[in-house]
Amino acid sequence: MAENCCATNGDIMILSCSGGSNVGQLSNQAAVELTQEGFGKMFCLNGIGGHLKGFVQSAKDVPQMVAIDGCGLGCAKAVLEHAQVPLQAYLVVTDLGVEKNKDLSLKRPDIDKVKGAVKDACNRQQASPFGTMKGGATSRCG
């Protein structure tokens, strides 16, 4: 495996929960659709959680990252913290007013709400006066 297996070439890295609830699957579906639309690129959170060197290093080096957790348990956030990957833009689906349940029949308005929140989180990160993104990169948000 290449050391830099997840290089993003300046794109936004999207890391999502994919837990066994509606909000986990909403996180995942939003990440898939944003990737398909060219907003960023979805990457493997499990590779980071497994401490696979190339995955962890790529996450540390990426100019911009958005982590999406389904609920307040914060599994994606915990994975990043455990791997000592700095948290950049972050959001929790249940904070958007979506109630967690076991109904995996996703609704288009909920998916769109998560996608919009990801873009907003990215734009807020870009506009933050507290630092330049790694490597002086410019954001490709929104």
C-alpha atoms as a PDB file:
ATOM      1  CA  MET A   1       0.000   0.000   0.000  1.00  0.00           C
ATOM      2  CA  ALA A   2       1.264   3.468  -0.821  1.00  0.00           C
ATOM      3  CA  GLU A   3       2.199   5.640   2.139  1.00  0.00           C
ATOM      4  CA  ASN A   4      -0.081   8.441   0.948  1.00  0.00           C
ATOM      5  CA  CYS A   5      -3.001   6.246  -0.077  1.00  0.00           C
ATOM      6  CA  CYS A   6      -5.615   8.894   0.553  1.00  0.00           C
ATOM      7  CA  ALA A   7      -4.032  11.989  -0.986  1.00  0.00           C
ATOM      8  CA  THR A   8      -6.693  14.515  -1.826  1.00  0.00           C
ATOM      9  CA  ASN A   9      -4.877  16.899  -4.146  1.00  0.00           C
ATOM     10  CA  GLY A  10      -6.467  19.820  -2.312  1.00  0.00           C
ATOM     11  CA  ASP A  11     -10.016  18.501  -2.124  1.00  0.00           C
ATOM     12  CA  ILE A  12     -12.076  18.452   1.030  1.00  0.00           C
ATOM     13  CA  MET A  13     -11.794  15.166   2.895  1.00  0.00           C
ATOM     14  CA  ILE A  14     -15.234  13.984   4.039  1.00  0.00           C
ATOM     15  CA  LEU A  15     -15.309  11.529   6.929  1.00  0.00           C
ATOM     16  CA  SER A  16     -18.691  10.217   7.975  1.00  0.00           C
ATOM     17  CA  CYS A  17     -20.323   8.057  10.546  1.00  0.00           C
ATOM     18  CA  SER A  18     -22.078   5.084   9.013  1.00  0.00           C
ATOM     19  CA  GLY A  19     -23.713   3.737  12.142  1.00  0.00           C
ATOM     20  CA  GLY A  20     -26.739   1.476  12.372  1.00  0.00           C
ATOM     21  CA  SER A  21     -29.326   4.230  12.694  1.00  0.00           C
ATOM     22  CA  ASN A  22     -31.007   6.724  10.418  1.00  0.00           C
ATOM     23  CA  VAL A  23     -28.601   9.515  11.417  1.00  0.00           C
ATOM     24  CA  GLY A  24     -25.521   7.368  10.805  1.00  0.00           C
ATOM     25  CA  GLN A  25     -26.820   6.447   7.394  1.00  0.00           C
ATOM     26  CA  LEU A  26     -27.771  10.078   6.685  1.00  0.00           C
ATOM     27  CA  SER A  27     -24.149  11.021   7.438  1.00  0.00           C
ATOM     28  CA  ASN A  28     -22.926   8.380   5.043  1.00  0.00           C
ATOM     29  CA  GLN A  29     -25.421   9.211   2.279  1.00  0.00           C
ATOM     30  CA  ALA A  30     -24.590  12.910   2.470  1.00  0.00           C
ATOM     31  CA  ALA A  31     -20.886  12.079   2.141  1.00  0.00           C
ATOM     32  CA  VAL A  32     -21.552   9.846  -0.873  1.00  0.00           C
ATOM     33  CA  GLU A  33     -23.668  12.461  -2.647  1.00  0.00           C
ATOM     34  CA  LEU A  34     -21.278  15.328  -1.903  1.00  0.00           C
ATOM     35  CA  THR A  35     -18.470  13.215  -3.369  1.00  0.00           C
ATOM     36  CA  GLN A  36     -20.540  12.416  -6.459  1.00  0.00           C
ATOM     37  CA  GLU A  37     -21.289  16.138  -6.859  1.00  0.00           C
ATOM     38  CA  GLY A  38     -17.590  17.017  -6.674  1.00  0.00           C
ATOM     39  CA  PHE A  39     -17.812  18.955  -3.400  1.00  0.00           C
ATOM     40  CA  GLY A  40     -15.123  16.846  -1.747  1.00  0.00           C
ATOM     41  CA  LYS A  41     -13.992  13.258  -1.475  1.00  0.00           C
ATOM     42  CA  MET A  42     -15.256  10.689   0.943  1.00  0.00           C
ATOM     43  CA  PHE A  43     -12.533   8.766   2.753  1.00  0.00           C
ATOM     44  CA  CYS A  44     -12.309   5.740   4.993  1.00  0.00           C
ATOM     45  CA  LEU A  45     -12.803   6.620   8.639  1.00  0.00           C
ATOM     46  CA  ASN A  46     -12.130   2.985   9.547  1.00  0.00           C
ATOM     47  CA  GLY A  47      -8.650   3.188   8.036  1.00  0.00           C
ATOM     48  CA  ILE A  48      -7.913   6.052  10.405  1.00  0.00           C
ATOM     49  CA  GLY A  49      -9.526   4.179  13.291  1.00  0.00           C
ATOM     50  CA  GLY A  50      -7.367   1.159  12.475  1.00  0.00           C
ATOM     51  CA  HIS A  51      -4.299   3.407  12.666  1.00  0.00           C
ATOM     52  CA  LEU A  52      -3.235   2.479   9.139  1.00  0.00           C
ATOM     53  CA  LYS A  53      -0.258   4.723   8.592  1.00  0.00           C
ATOM     54  CA  GLY A  54      -1.187   6.068   5.138  1.00  0.00           C
ATOM     55  CA  PHE A  55      -4.747   6.848   6.147  1.00  0.00           C
ATOM     56  CA  VAL A  56      -3.741   8.612   9.356  1.00  0.00           C
ATOM     57  CA  GLN A  57      -1.013  10.635   7.654  1.00  0.00           C
ATOM     58  CA  SER A  58      -3.322  11.664   4.832  1.00  0.00           C
ATOM     59  CA  ALA A  59      -5.908  12.855   7.353  1.00  0.00           C
ATOM     60  CA  LYS A  60      -3.260  14.860   9.201  1.00  0.00           C
ATOM     61  CA  ASP A  61      -1.998  16.432   5.976  1.00  0.00           C
ATOM     62  CA  VAL A  62      -5.263  17.223   4.204  1.00  0.00           C
ATOM     63  CA  PRO A  63      -5.875  20.946   3.649  1.00  0.00           C
ATOM     64  CA  GLN A  64      -9.537  20.702   4.631  1.00  0.00           C
ATOM     65  CA  MET A  65     -11.648  18.057   6.327  1.00  0.00           C
ATOM     66  CA  VAL A  66     -15.258  17.747   7.396  1.00  0.00           C
ATOM     67  CA  ALA A  67     -16.252  15.066   9.909  1.00  0.00           C
ATOM     68  CA  ILE A  68     -19.930  14.131  10.160  1.00  0.00           C
ATOM     69  CA  ASP A  69     -21.254  12.302  13.196  1.00  0.00           C
ATOM     70  CA  GLY A  70     -24.779  10.958  13.283  1.00  0.00           C
ATOM     71  CA  CYS A  71     -25.392  11.532  16.966  1.00  0.00           C
ATOM     72  CA  GLY A  72     -23.876  12.938  20.110  1.00  0.00           C
ATOM     73  CA  LEU A  73     -21.931   9.764  20.842  1.00  0.00           C
ATOM     74  CA  GLY A  74     -19.353  11.281  18.491  1.00  0.00           C
ATOM     75  CA  CYS A  75     -17.751   8.144  17.080  1.00  0.00           C
ATOM     76  CA  ALA A  76     -16.118   9.917  14.119  1.00  0.00           C
ATOM     77  CA  LYS A  77     -14.758  12.605  16.416  1.00  0.00           C
ATOM     78  CA  ALA A  78     -13.437   9.964  18.824  1.00  0.00           C
ATOM     79  CA  VAL A  79     -11.712   8.077  15.993  1.00  0.00           C
ATOM     80  CA  LEU A  80      -9.933  11.251  14.901  1.00  0.00           C
ATOM     81  CA  GLU A  81      -8.927  12.145  18.454  1.00  0.00           C
ATOM     82  CA  HIS A  82      -7.641   8.618  19.133  1.00  0.00           C
ATOM     83  CA  ALA A  83      -5.509   8.754  15.968  1.00  0.00           C
ATOM     84  CA  GLN A  84      -4.309  12.257  16.959  1.00  0.00           C
ATOM     85  CA  VAL A  85      -5.796  13.775  13.816  1.00  0.00           C
ATOM     86  CA  PRO A  86      -6.802  17.414  14.384  1.00  0.00           C
ATOM     87  CA  LEU A  87     -10.524  17.983  14.122  1.00  0.00           C
ATOM     88  CA  GLN A  88     -11.359  20.581  11.510  1.00  0.00           C
ATOM     89  CA  ALA A  89     -14.953  21.241  10.412  1.00  0.00           C
ATOM     90  CA  TYR A  90     -17.408  19.078  12.355  1.00  0.00           C
ATOM     91  CA  LEU A  91     -21.128  18.528  12.635  1.00  0.00           C
ATOM     92  CA  VAL A  92     -23.612  16.208  14.323  1.00  0.00           C
ATOM     93  CA  VAL A  93     -26.775  15.260  12.449  1.00  0.00           C
ATOM     94  CA  THR A  94     -28.988  15.156  15.552  1.00  0.00           C
ATOM     95  CA  ASP A  95     -27.980  18.784  16.220  1.00  0.00           C
ATOM     96  CA  LEU A  96     -29.784  19.596  12.958  1.00  0.00           C
ATOM     97  CA  GLY A  97     -33.100  18.518  14.468  1.00  0.00           C
ATOM     98  CA  VAL A  98     -33.155  15.011  13.022  1.00  0.00           C
ATOM     99  CA  GLU A  99     -34.287  12.499  15.630  1.00  0.00           C
ATOM    100  CA  LYS A 100     -32.229   9.313  15.872  1.00  0.00           C
ATOM    101  CA  ASN A 101     -34.143   6.089  15.202  1.00  0.00           C
ATOM    102  CA  LYS A 102     -33.720   2.686  13.581  1.00  0.00           C
ATOM    103  CA  ASP A 103     -35.717   3.550  10.431  1.00  0.00           C
ATOM    104  CA  LEU A 104     -33.188   3.262   7.619  1.00  0.00           C
ATOM    105  CA  SER A 105     -35.601   4.620   5.013  1.00  0.00           C
ATOM    106  CA  LEU A 106     -33.841   7.925   4.444  1.00  0.00           C
ATOM    107  CA  LYS A 107     -35.818  10.986   3.491  1.00  0.00           C
ATOM    108  CA  ARG A 108     -34.610  13.387   0.794  1.00  0.00           C
ATOM    109  CA  PRO A 109     -35.180  16.535   2.916  1.00  0.00           C
ATOM    110  CA  ASP A 110     -33.004  15.070   5.690  1.00  0.00           C
ATOM    111  CA  ILE A 111     -30.211  14.166   3.270  1.00  0.00           C
ATOM    112  CA  ASP A 112     -30.318  17.657   1.782  1.00  0.00           C
ATOM    113  CA  LYS A 113     -30.275  19.196   5.259  1.00  0.00           C
ATOM    114  CA  VAL A 114     -27.100  17.289   6.142  1.00  0.00           C
ATOM    115  CA  LYS A 115     -25.445  18.173   2.835  1.00  0.00           C
ATOM    116  CA  GLY A 116     -26.228  21.856   3.378  1.00  0.00           C
ATOM    117  CA  ALA A 117     -24.846  21.716   6.913  1.00  0.00           C
ATOM    118  CA  VAL A 118     -21.615  20.133   5.664  1.00  0.00           C
ATOM    119  CA  LYS A 119     -21.178  22.951   3.156  1.00  0.00           C
ATOM    120  CA  ASP A 120     -21.939  25.539   5.851  1.00  0.00           C
ATOM    121  CA  ALA A 121     -19.408  23.961   8.238  1.00  0.00           C
ATOM    122  CA  CYS A 122     -16.798  24.016   5.498  1.00  0.00           C
ATOM    123  CA  ASN A 123     -17.523  27.634   4.657  1.00  0.00           C
ATOM    124  CA  ARG A 124     -17.306  28.618   8.346  1.00  0.00           C
ATOM    125  CA  GLN A 125     -13.942  26.884   8.577  1.00  0.00           C
ATOM    126  CA  GLN A 126     -12.722  28.733   5.494  1.00  0.00           C
ATOM    127  CA  ALA A 127     -13.876  32.062   6.918  1.00  0.00           C
ATOM    128  CA  SER A 128     -12.314  31.494  10.341  1.00  0.00           C
ATOM    129  CA  PRO A 129      -9.898  34.296  11.258  1.00  0.00           C
ATOM    130  CA  PHE A 130      -7.878  31.938  13.461  1.00  0.00           C
ATOM    131  CA  GLY A 131      -5.602  30.351  10.976  1.00  0.00           C
ATOM    132  CA  THR A 132      -4.769  29.373   7.513  1.00  0.00           C
ATOM    133  CA  MET A 133      -5.409  25.875   6.349  1.00  0.00           C
ATOM    134  CA  LYS A 134      -2.408  23.561   6.277  1.00  0.00           C
ATOM    135  CA  GLY A 135       0.091  24.342   3.572  1.00  0.00           C
ATOM    136  CA  GLY A 136      -1.487  27.715   2.878  1.00  0.00           C
ATOM    137  CA  ALA A 137      -4.038  25.973   0.695  1.00  0.00           C
ATOM    138  CA  THR A 138      -7.168  27.709  -0.453  1.00  0.00           C
ATOM    139  CA  SER A 139     -10.522  26.135   0.154  1.00  0.00           C
ATOM    140  CA  ARG A 140     -12.675  24.728  -2.593  1.00  0.00           C
ATOM    141  CA  CYS A 141     -15.811  24.986  -0.487  1.00  0.00           C
ATOM    142  CA  GLY A 142     -19.226  25.635  -1.889  1.00  0.00           C
END
